[in-house]
Amino acid sequence: MTTRHRLGPHRDPAVDAAVLDAARALLVEIGYGATSIDAIAARAGVSRPAIYRRWPSKAHLIAQAVFPDVGSAVVAPDLLAEVRKVIRGTIQLFGSAETREAMPGLMAEMRQDSGLYEKLSARLDAPTRGELGDYLGGDAARPGLDPNTVLDTIAGAALFAMCIRDIDDLDGFAASLEDLLLYGILGRRPAD
């Protein structure tokens, strides 16, 4: 007789994986709007209650499916490397087919569900903002730079490029964004 490990009542990691895989596949096949809890349950071979025991809504499920934890054990050696790491990671995050399909719907859902935004922010934004803040507080950066503005600039540009413009040249876009962010439009600060 085989004993299955449970994480709690009715928690089987294989069910979690099947549901998340089904959600990602359906996003690419039919889009966010048409991806329903019923369709995910049918594709994963689980019941609706099994899904709702794990996620309070479709948006929470989709957010977990397309946005893994971004905490990184890789420590950048300096500010330039950190900014490049954040840019490349953000582009990779928004560049997947399932994320491109999910973002418009998730953005609308986050406007209505602050709990969804808070969960995503804790997994995606907060660790990166903290790391950027550490680097921006050093001698390498111009004094007074706000890590929130830097990350918003990176994330906003990546989101627009991936989900609205639907660009394919991820490396080219990353290099262009790095150049703009690190060296600016003028390349120097104008005299007052």
Protein backbone atom coordinates (compact mmCIF):
# COMPACT_ATOMS: atom_id res chain seq x y z
CA MET A 1 0.00 0.00 0.00
CA THR A 2 1.32 3.44 -0.96
CA THR A 3 0.94 6.35 1.41
CA ARG A 4 0.51 9.78 -0.16
CA HIS A 5 2.01 12.76 1.60
CA ARG A 6 -0.51 15.51 2.29
CA LEU A 7 0.29 19.15 2.93
CA GLY A 8 -3.02 19.55 4.70
CA PRO A 9 -6.60 18.55 4.07
CA HIS A 10 -6.93 17.46 0.44
CA ARG A 11 -3.57 18.92 -0.65
CA ASP A 12 -1.72 16.94 -3.26
CA PRO A 13 1.22 18.71 -4.99
CA ALA A 14 0.44 16.74 -8.17
CA VAL A 15 -2.99 18.40 -8.30
CA ASP A 16 -1.41 21.85 -7.89
CA ALA A 17 1.01 21.14 -10.74
CA ALA A 18 -1.72 19.75 -13.01
CA VAL A 19 -3.96 22.78 -12.42
CA LEU A 20 -1.15 25.29 -13.03
CA ASP A 21 -0.05 23.47 -16.18
CA ALA A 22 -3.64 23.36 -17.45
CA ALA A 23 -4.08 27.09 -16.79
CA ARG A 24 -0.89 27.97 -18.70
CA ALA A 25 -1.88 25.79 -21.66
CA LEU A 26 -5.39 27.22 -21.84
CA LEU A 27 -4.12 30.80 -21.68
CA VAL A 28 -2.06 30.22 -24.80
CA GLU A 29 -4.79 28.26 -26.58
CA ILE A 30 -7.89 30.35 -25.82
CA GLY A 31 -6.81 33.51 -23.93
CA TYR A 32 -7.54 34.88 -20.48
CA GLY A 33 -11.22 35.68 -21.00
CA ALA A 34 -12.14 32.21 -22.22
CA THR A 35 -10.04 30.40 -19.63
CA SER A 36 -12.47 29.45 -16.89
CA ILE A 37 -12.24 27.45 -13.70
CA ASP A 38 -14.41 24.79 -15.38
CA ALA A 39 -12.06 24.57 -18.37
CA ILE A 40 -9.00 24.40 -16.10
CA ALA A 41 -10.60 21.71 -13.93
CA ALA A 42 -11.55 19.63 -16.98
CA ARG A 43 -8.06 19.94 -18.52
CA ALA A 44 -6.35 19.10 -15.21
CA GLY A 45 -8.72 16.24 -14.41
CA VAL A 46 -9.76 17.69 -11.05
CA SER A 47 -12.94 19.09 -9.55
CA ARG A 48 -13.89 22.76 -9.16
CA PRO A 49 -13.81 22.38 -5.35
CA ALA A 50 -10.24 21.09 -5.57
CA ILE A 51 -9.28 24.32 -7.34
CA TYR A 52 -11.21 26.60 -5.00
CA ARG A 53 -9.57 24.96 -1.96
CA ARG A 54 -6.26 26.21 -3.34
CA TRP A 55 -7.11 29.53 -5.01
CA PRO A 56 -9.91 31.98 -4.17
CA SER A 57 -10.45 33.01 -7.80
CA LYS A 58 -9.40 32.46 -11.39
CA ALA A 59 -7.20 35.55 -11.21
CA HIS A 60 -5.27 34.24 -8.18
CA LEU A 61 -4.78 30.89 -9.92
CA ILE A 62 -3.60 32.50 -13.17
CA ALA A 63 -1.27 34.85 -11.30
CA GLN A 64 0.43 31.91 -9.62
CA ALA A 65 0.57 30.01 -12.91
CA VAL A 66 2.33 32.76 -14.83
CA PHE A 67 4.35 34.48 -12.10
CA PRO A 68 6.73 32.27 -10.16
CA ASP A 69 8.53 33.59 -7.11
CA VAL A 70 11.32 35.85 -8.34
CA GLY A 71 13.58 35.75 -5.32
CA SER A 72 17.08 35.21 -6.59
CA ALA A 73 20.08 33.79 -4.87
CA VAL A 74 22.25 35.47 -7.52
CA VAL A 75 23.86 38.59 -6.10
CA ALA A 76 24.94 41.11 -8.72
CA PRO A 77 28.45 42.47 -8.20
CA ASP A 78 27.47 46.10 -8.82
CA LEU A 79 24.67 48.49 -9.77
CA LEU A 80 25.10 48.03 -13.52
CA ALA A 81 24.89 44.25 -13.22
CA GLU A 82 21.86 44.56 -10.92
CA VAL A 83 19.98 46.81 -13.34
CA ARG A 84 20.81 44.48 -16.22
CA LYS A 85 19.64 41.48 -14.15
CA VAL A 86 16.35 43.18 -13.32
CA ILE A 87 15.75 44.24 -16.93
CA ARG A 88 16.50 40.77 -18.33
CA GLY A 89 14.44 39.05 -15.62
CA THR A 90 11.47 41.35 -16.15
CA ILE A 91 11.53 40.90 -19.91
CA GLN A 92 11.76 37.14 -19.48
CA LEU A 93 8.85 37.25 -17.02
CA PHE A 94 6.56 39.25 -19.33
CA GLY A 95 7.86 37.61 -22.50
CA SER A 96 6.30 34.17 -22.14
CA ALA A 97 3.24 33.42 -24.25
CA GLU A 98 1.08 32.64 -21.23
CA THR A 99 2.04 35.86 -19.44
CA ARG A 100 1.33 37.92 -22.55
CA GLU A 101 -2.15 36.40 -22.67
CA ALA A 102 -2.77 36.79 -18.94
CA MET A 103 -1.61 40.35 -18.29
CA PRO A 104 -4.50 42.38 -19.72
CA GLY A 105 -7.03 40.36 -17.71
CA LEU A 106 -4.89 40.28 -14.58
CA MET A 107 -4.39 44.05 -14.71
CA ALA A 108 -8.15 44.56 -14.75
CA GLU A 109 -8.57 42.05 -11.91
CA MET A 110 -5.87 43.75 -9.80
CA ARG A 111 -7.75 47.05 -10.03
CA GLN A 112 -10.76 45.34 -8.42
CA ASP A 113 -8.97 42.98 -6.01
CA SER A 114 -6.31 44.67 -3.89
CA GLY A 115 -5.51 41.32 -2.28
CA LEU A 116 -4.40 39.99 -5.65
CA TYR A 117 -2.10 42.97 -6.19
CA GLU A 118 -0.67 42.60 -2.67
CA LYS A 119 0.10 38.91 -3.22
CA LEU A 120 1.75 39.58 -6.55
CA SER A 121 3.67 42.53 -5.19
CA ALA A 122 5.01 40.48 -2.28
CA ARG A 123 6.28 37.80 -4.68
CA LEU A 124 7.40 39.97 -7.60
CA ASP A 125 8.00 43.60 -6.69
CA ALA A 126 9.02 43.80 -3.06
CA PRO A 127 12.17 41.66 -3.23
CA THR A 128 13.40 43.42 -6.36
CA ARG A 129 12.61 46.90 -5.04
CA GLY A 130 14.57 46.08 -1.89
CA GLU A 131 17.58 44.83 -3.85
CA LEU A 132 17.52 47.88 -6.13
CA GLY A 133 17.28 50.14 -3.09
CA ASP A 134 20.43 48.58 -1.65
CA TYR A 135 22.37 49.24 -4.86
CA LEU A 136 20.94 52.73 -5.44
CA GLY A 137 21.91 53.76 -1.92
CA GLY A 138 25.60 53.22 -2.69
CA ASP A 139 28.14 55.50 -4.32
CA ALA A 140 27.62 54.19 -7.87
CA ALA A 141 24.25 55.89 -8.44
CA ARG A 142 23.20 59.49 -8.62
CA PRO A 143 21.89 60.51 -5.17
CA GLY A 144 18.14 60.55 -4.67
CA LEU A 145 17.13 57.88 -7.18
CA ASP A 146 13.98 56.10 -6.08
CA PRO A 147 14.04 52.29 -6.48
CA ASN A 148 10.27 52.33 -6.98
CA THR A 149 10.58 54.64 -9.99
CA VAL A 150 13.45 52.61 -11.43
CA LEU A 151 11.52 49.34 -11.15
CA ASP A 152 8.30 50.94 -12.41
CA THR A 153 10.21 52.20 -15.45
CA ILE A 154 11.63 48.74 -16.17
CA ALA A 155 8.38 46.87 -15.53
CA GLY A 156 6.24 49.40 -17.39
CA ALA A 157 8.48 49.36 -20.45
CA ALA A 158 8.67 45.56 -20.45
CA LEU A 159 4.93 45.15 -19.95
CA PHE A 160 4.08 47.54 -22.77
CA ALA A 161 6.66 46.06 -25.14
CA MET A 162 5.67 42.45 -24.48
CA CYS A 163 1.90 42.66 -24.04
CA ILE A 164 0.92 45.64 -26.20
CA ARG A 165 3.58 45.96 -28.91
CA ASP A 166 4.14 42.19 -28.85
CA ILE A 167 7.84 42.44 -29.70
CA ASP A 168 9.84 39.34 -30.54
CA ASP A 169 13.42 40.60 -30.25
CA LEU A 170 13.78 40.24 -26.49
CA ASP A 171 17.57 40.62 -26.47
CA GLY A 172 17.45 43.71 -28.67
CA PHE A 173 14.77 45.28 -26.51
CA ALA A 174 16.70 44.45 -23.32
CA ALA A 175 19.87 46.05 -24.70
CA SER A 176 17.97 49.17 -25.77
CA LEU A 177 16.24 49.50 -22.39
CA GLU A 178 19.55 48.97 -20.56
CA ASP A 179 21.19 51.69 -22.64
CA LEU A 180 18.35 54.14 -22.06
CA LEU A 181 18.04 53.47 -18.35
CA LEU A 182 21.74 53.37 -17.56
CA TYR A 183 22.90 56.24 -19.80
CA GLY A 184 19.80 58.32 -20.41
CA ILE A 185 18.52 60.14 -23.43
CA LEU A 186 21.06 62.97 -23.32
CA GLY A 187 23.95 60.96 -21.91
CA ARG A 188 24.59 63.79 -19.49
CA ARG A 189 22.64 65.99 -17.16
CA PRO A 190 21.90 69.46 -18.63
CA ALA A 191 23.37 72.47 -16.84
CA ASP A 192 20.86 74.41 -14.75
